[in-house]
C-alpha atoms as a PDB file:
ATOM      1  CA  MET A   1      85.528 -15.491 -92.994  1.00  0.00           C
ATOM      2  CA  LEU A   2      82.920 -15.689 -90.645  1.00  0.00           C
ATOM      3  CA  ASP A   3      83.835 -16.839 -87.214  1.00  0.00           C
ATOM      4  CA  ILE A   4      80.910 -18.381 -85.304  1.00  0.00           C
ATOM      5  CA  ASP A   5      80.830 -17.748 -81.753  1.00  0.00           C
ATOM      6  CA  TRP A   6      78.892 -20.305 -79.422  1.00  0.00           C
ATOM      7  CA  THR A   7      78.455 -17.741 -76.709  1.00  0.00           C
ATOM      8  CA  LEU A   8      75.327 -16.087 -78.091  1.00  0.00           C
ATOM      9  CA  PRO A   9      73.670 -19.699 -78.436  1.00  0.00           C
ATOM     10  CA  VAL A  10      74.865 -20.889 -75.319  1.00  0.00           C
ATOM     11  CA  ALA A  11      73.716 -17.902 -73.352  1.00  0.00           C
ATOM     12  CA  LEU A  12      70.347 -18.019 -75.129  1.00  0.00           C
ATOM     13  CA  VAL A  13      70.230 -21.669 -74.182  1.00  0.00           C
ATOM     14  CA  SER A  14      71.107 -20.738 -70.624  1.00  0.00           C
ATOM     15  CA  VAL A  15      68.473 -18.063 -70.506  1.00  0.00           C
ATOM     16  CA  ILE A  16      65.934 -20.193 -71.600  1.00  0.00           C
ATOM     17  CA  VAL A  17      66.645 -22.703 -69.060  1.00  0.00           C
ATOM     18  CA  PHE A  18      66.721 -20.276 -66.470  1.00  0.00           C
ATOM     19  CA  LEU A  19      63.195 -18.707 -67.408  1.00  0.00           C
ATOM     20  CA  PHE A  20      62.302 -22.374 -67.470  1.00  0.00           C
ATOM     21  CA  LEU A  21      63.299 -22.955 -63.862  1.00  0.00           C
ATOM     22  CA  MET A  22      62.140 -19.514 -62.720  1.00  0.00           C
ATOM     23  CA  ASN A  23      58.933 -20.506 -63.889  1.00  0.00           C
ATOM     24  CA  LYS A  24      58.622 -23.461 -62.338  1.00  0.00           C
ATOM     25  CA  VAL A  25      60.056 -22.333 -59.079  1.00  0.00           C
ATOM     26  CA  LEU A  26      58.772 -18.803 -58.547  1.00  0.00           C
ATOM     27  CA  PHE A  27      56.286 -17.657 -60.923  1.00  0.00           C
ATOM     28  CA  LYS A  28      53.682 -20.362 -60.595  1.00  0.00           C
ATOM     29  CA  PRO A  29      54.053 -20.481 -57.088  1.00  0.00           C
ATOM     30  CA  LEU A  30      53.700 -16.929 -57.008  1.00  0.00           C
ATOM     31  CA  VAL A  31      50.713 -16.645 -59.170  1.00  0.00           C
ATOM     32  CA  GLN A  32      49.026 -19.608 -57.526  1.00  0.00           C
ATOM     33  CA  LEU A  33      49.383 -17.753 -54.045  1.00  0.00           C
ATOM     34  CA  MET A  34      48.188 -14.731 -55.466  1.00  0.00           C
ATOM     35  CA  GLU A  35      45.378 -16.631 -56.951  1.00  0.00           C
ATOM     36  CA  ALA A  36      44.728 -18.297 -53.612  1.00  0.00           C
ATOM     37  CA  ARG A  37      44.728 -14.893 -52.001  1.00  0.00           C
ATOM     38  CA  ASP A  38      41.844 -13.466 -54.236  1.00  0.00           C
ATOM     39  CA  LYS A  39      40.037 -16.419 -54.030  1.00  0.00           C
ATOM     40  CA  ARG A  40      40.071 -15.892 -50.049  1.00  0.00           C
ATOM     41  CA  ILE A  41      39.543 -12.140 -50.579  1.00  0.00           C
ATOM     42  CA  GLN A  42      36.536 -12.775 -52.662  1.00  0.00           C
ATOM     43  CA  ASP A  43      35.187 -15.294 -50.025  1.00  0.00           C
ATOM     44  CA  ASP A  44      35.610 -13.357 -47.371  1.00  0.00           C
ATOM     45  CA  LEU A  45      33.491 -10.493 -49.281  1.00  0.00           C
ATOM     46  CA  GLU A  46      30.796 -12.912 -49.850  1.00  0.00           C
ATOM     47  CA  GLN A  47      30.718 -13.972 -46.418  1.00  0.00           C
ATOM     48  CA  ALA A  48      30.505 -10.066 -45.110  1.00  0.00           C
ATOM     49  CA  ALA A  49      27.846  -9.578 -47.511  1.00  0.00           C
ATOM     50  CA  ARG A  50      25.864 -12.586 -46.298  1.00  0.00           C
ATOM     51  CA  LEU A  51      26.671 -11.409 -42.751  1.00  0.00           C
ATOM     52  CA  ARG A  52      25.570  -7.659 -43.383  1.00  0.00           C
ATOM     53  CA  GLN A  53      22.207  -9.133 -45.054  1.00  0.00           C
ATOM     54  CA  GLN A  54      21.738 -11.299 -41.670  1.00  0.00           C
ATOM     55  CA  ALA A  55      22.483  -8.245 -39.624  1.00  0.00           C
ATOM     56  CA  GLU A  56      20.194  -6.312 -41.228  1.00  0.00           C
ATOM     57  CA  GLY A  57      17.159  -8.700 -41.131  1.00  0.00           C
ATOM     58  CA  ALA A  58      18.206  -9.285 -37.428  1.00  0.00           C
ATOM     59  CA  MET A  59      17.924  -5.592 -36.954  1.00  0.00           C
ATOM     60  CA  THR A  60      14.603  -5.204 -39.017  1.00  0.00           C
ATOM     61  CA  THR A  61      12.856  -8.316 -36.746  1.00  0.00           C
ATOM     62  CA  TYR A  62      14.699  -6.319 -33.622  1.00  0.00           C
ATOM     63  CA  GLU A  63      13.153  -3.146 -34.479  1.00  0.00           C
ATOM     64  CA  THR A  64       9.824  -4.786 -35.398  1.00  0.00           C
ATOM     65  CA  ALA A  65       9.642  -6.641 -31.887  1.00  0.00           C
ATOM     66  CA  LEU A  66      10.786  -3.232 -30.283  1.00  0.00           C
ATOM     67  CA  ALA A  67       7.634  -1.787 -31.791  1.00  0.00           C
ATOM     68  CA  ALA A  68       5.093  -4.219 -30.970  1.00  0.00           C
ATOM     69  CA  ALA A  69       6.508  -4.277 -27.208  1.00  0.00           C
ATOM     70  CA  ARG A  70       6.231  -0.463 -27.293  1.00  0.00           C
ATOM     71  CA  ARG A  71       2.694  -0.608 -28.577  1.00  0.00           C
ATOM     72  CA  ASP A  72       2.067  -3.640 -26.247  1.00  0.00           C
ATOM     73  CA  MET A  73       3.220  -1.275 -23.444  1.00  0.00           C
ATOM     74  CA  GLY A  74       0.936   1.608 -24.499  1.00  0.00           C
ATOM     75  CA  GLU A  75      -2.168  -0.639 -24.519  1.00  0.00           C
ATOM     76  CA  GLN A  76      -1.275  -2.124 -21.269  1.00  0.00           C
ATOM     77  CA  ALA A  77      -0.675   1.634 -19.688  1.00  0.00           C
ATOM     78  CA  ALA A  78      -3.902   2.621 -21.402  1.00  0.00           C
ATOM     79  CA  ALA A  79      -5.639  -0.601 -19.789  1.00  0.00           C
ATOM     80  CA  VAL A  80      -3.987   0.369 -16.221  1.00  0.00           C
ATOM     81  CA  GLN A  81      -5.309   3.883 -16.687  1.00  0.00           C
ATOM     82  CA  ARG A  82      -8.883   2.999 -17.734  1.00  0.00           C
ATOM     83  CA  ALA A  83      -8.857   0.439 -14.862  1.00  0.00           C
ATOM     84  CA  MET A  84      -7.507   3.218 -12.395  1.00  0.00           C
ATOM     85  CA  GLU A  85     -10.098   5.777 -13.544  1.00  0.00           C
ATOM     86  CA  SER A  86     -12.771   2.999 -13.266  1.00  0.00           C
ATOM     87  CA  LYS A  87     -11.996   2.256  -9.318  1.00  0.00           C
ATOM     88  CA  GLN A  88     -11.370   5.940  -8.698  1.00  0.00           C
ATOM     89  CA  ARG A  89     -15.344   6.364  -9.977  1.00  0.00           C
ATOM     90  CA  GLU A  90     -16.332   3.485  -7.832  1.00  0.00           C
ATOM     91  CA  GLN A  91     -14.578   4.876  -4.833  1.00  0.00           C
ATOM     92  CA  ILE A  92     -16.124   8.396  -5.510  1.00  0.00           C
ATOM     93  CA  ASP A  93     -19.695   6.788  -6.060  1.00  0.00           C
ATOM     94  CA  ALA A  94     -19.293   4.977  -2.606  1.00  0.00           C
ATOM     95  CA  ALA A  95     -18.130   7.751  -0.833  1.00  0.00           C
ATOM     96  CA  ARG A  96     -21.204   9.632  -2.421  1.00  0.00           C
ATOM     97  CA  ARG A  97     -23.689   7.071  -1.340  1.00  0.00           C
ATOM     98  CA  GLN A  98     -22.032   6.870   2.147  1.00  0.00           C
ATOM     99  CA  ALA A  99     -22.128  10.532   2.342  1.00  0.00           C
ATOM    100  CA  HIS A 100     -25.794  10.796   1.295  1.00  0.00           C
ATOM    101  CA  THR A 101     -26.654   8.068   3.795  1.00  0.00           C
ATOM    102  CA  MET A 102     -24.836  10.063   6.522  1.00  0.00           C
ATOM    103  CA  VAL A 103     -26.749  13.201   5.395  1.00  0.00           C
ATOM    104  CA  THR A 104     -30.005  11.520   5.148  1.00  0.00           C
ATOM    105  CA  GLY A 105     -29.181   9.631   8.601  1.00  0.00           C
ATOM    106  CA  ALA A 106     -28.186  13.098  10.192  1.00  0.00           C
ATOM    107  CA  GLU A 107     -31.310  15.170   8.860  1.00  0.00           C
ATOM    108  CA  ALA A 108     -33.437  12.278  10.458  1.00  0.00           C
ATOM    109  CA  THR A 109     -31.673  12.684  13.496  1.00  0.00           C
ATOM    110  CA  VAL A 110     -32.194  16.564  13.512  1.00  0.00           C
ATOM    111  CA  GLU A 111     -35.970  16.082  12.744  1.00  0.00           C
ATOM    112  CA  GLN A 112     -36.362  13.525  15.390  1.00  0.00           C
ATOM    113  CA  GLU A 113     -34.511  16.018  17.753  1.00  0.00           C
ATOM    114  CA  THR A 114     -36.365  18.746  16.756  1.00  0.00           C
ATOM    115  CA  GLN A 115     -39.614  16.952  17.050  1.00  0.00           C
ATOM    116  CA  GLU A 116     -38.877  16.217  20.593  1.00  0.00           C
ATOM    117  CA  ALA A 117     -37.506  19.659  21.410  1.00  0.00           C
ATOM    118  CA  ARG A 118     -40.701  21.160  20.092  1.00  0.00           C
ATOM    119  CA  LEU A 119     -42.645  18.422  22.258  1.00  0.00           C
ATOM    120  CA  ARG A 120     -40.675  19.327  25.396  1.00  0.00           C
ATOM    121  CA  LEU A 121     -40.978  23.077  24.594  1.00  0.00           C
ATOM    122  CA  ALA A 122     -44.501  22.563  24.258  1.00  0.00           C
ATOM    123  CA  ASP A 123     -44.771  20.753  27.806  1.00  0.00           C
ATOM    124  CA  GLN A 124     -42.810  23.499  29.142  1.00  0.00           C
ATOM    125  CA  ALA A 125     -44.707  26.203  27.442  1.00  0.00           C
ATOM    126  CA  ARG A 126     -48.126  24.580  28.891  1.00  0.00           C
ATOM    127  CA  ALA A 127     -46.589  24.263  32.274  1.00  0.00           C
ATOM    128  CA  LEU A 128     -45.381  27.817  31.990  1.00  0.00           C
ATOM    129  CA  ALA A 129     -48.771  29.113  31.051  1.00  0.00           C
ATOM    130  CA  ARG A 130     -50.401  27.295  34.007  1.00  0.00           C
ATOM    131  CA  LEU A 131     -47.987  28.887  36.323  1.00  0.00           C
ATOM    132  CA  VAL A 132     -48.790  31.989  35.125  1.00  0.00           C
ATOM    133  CA  VAL A 133     -52.653  31.718  34.948  1.00  0.00           C
ATOM    134  CA  ALA A 134     -52.030  30.388  38.583  1.00  0.00           C
ATOM    135  CA  LYS A 135     -50.224  33.231  39.586  1.00  0.00           C
ATOM    136  CA  PHE A 136     -52.457  35.422  37.587  1.00  0.00           C
ATOM    137  CA  ILE A 137     -55.702  33.988  39.432  1.00  0.00           C
ATOM    138  CA  SER A 138     -54.191  33.780  42.727  1.00  0.00           C
ATOM    139  CA  ARG A 139     -53.345  37.709  42.525  1.00  0.00           C
ATOM    140  CA  GLU A 140     -56.903  38.189  41.345  1.00  0.00           C
ATOM    141  CA  VAL A 141     -58.335  36.206  43.893  1.00  0.00           C
ATOM    142  CA  GLY A 142     -55.985  37.948  46.579  1.00  0.00           C
ATOM    143  CA  ARG A 143     -56.797  41.346  45.659  1.00  0.00           C
END
């Protein structure tokens, strides 16, 4: 009749024992390793996102500071330009005053020299007129 062969149940039990042992030895550590790897990757991604946000914040701060520095530099350049223009105007005004003083002094000197020359010429003209009159009179008398 039916002959029962014990190979099938023994093979079935050995496969079950093999799967149980493989689960303990290979599958569970492999799953744990993969879960740990996934957790590290997730942590690294979160840290990268945090670092990116920090970098963006630092970049925004840097750009704001750079814009402020440029604005300050422009204001300082404008202040220096205004100071230079003011100094230049002062120097020009001082030069004009000095030139006006020199011209006024020169005009006074010329006027004084002109008056002295007129007085000398007037004296010389009188002396010459006396001489001419004296010669004219001596000719008249001698004739």
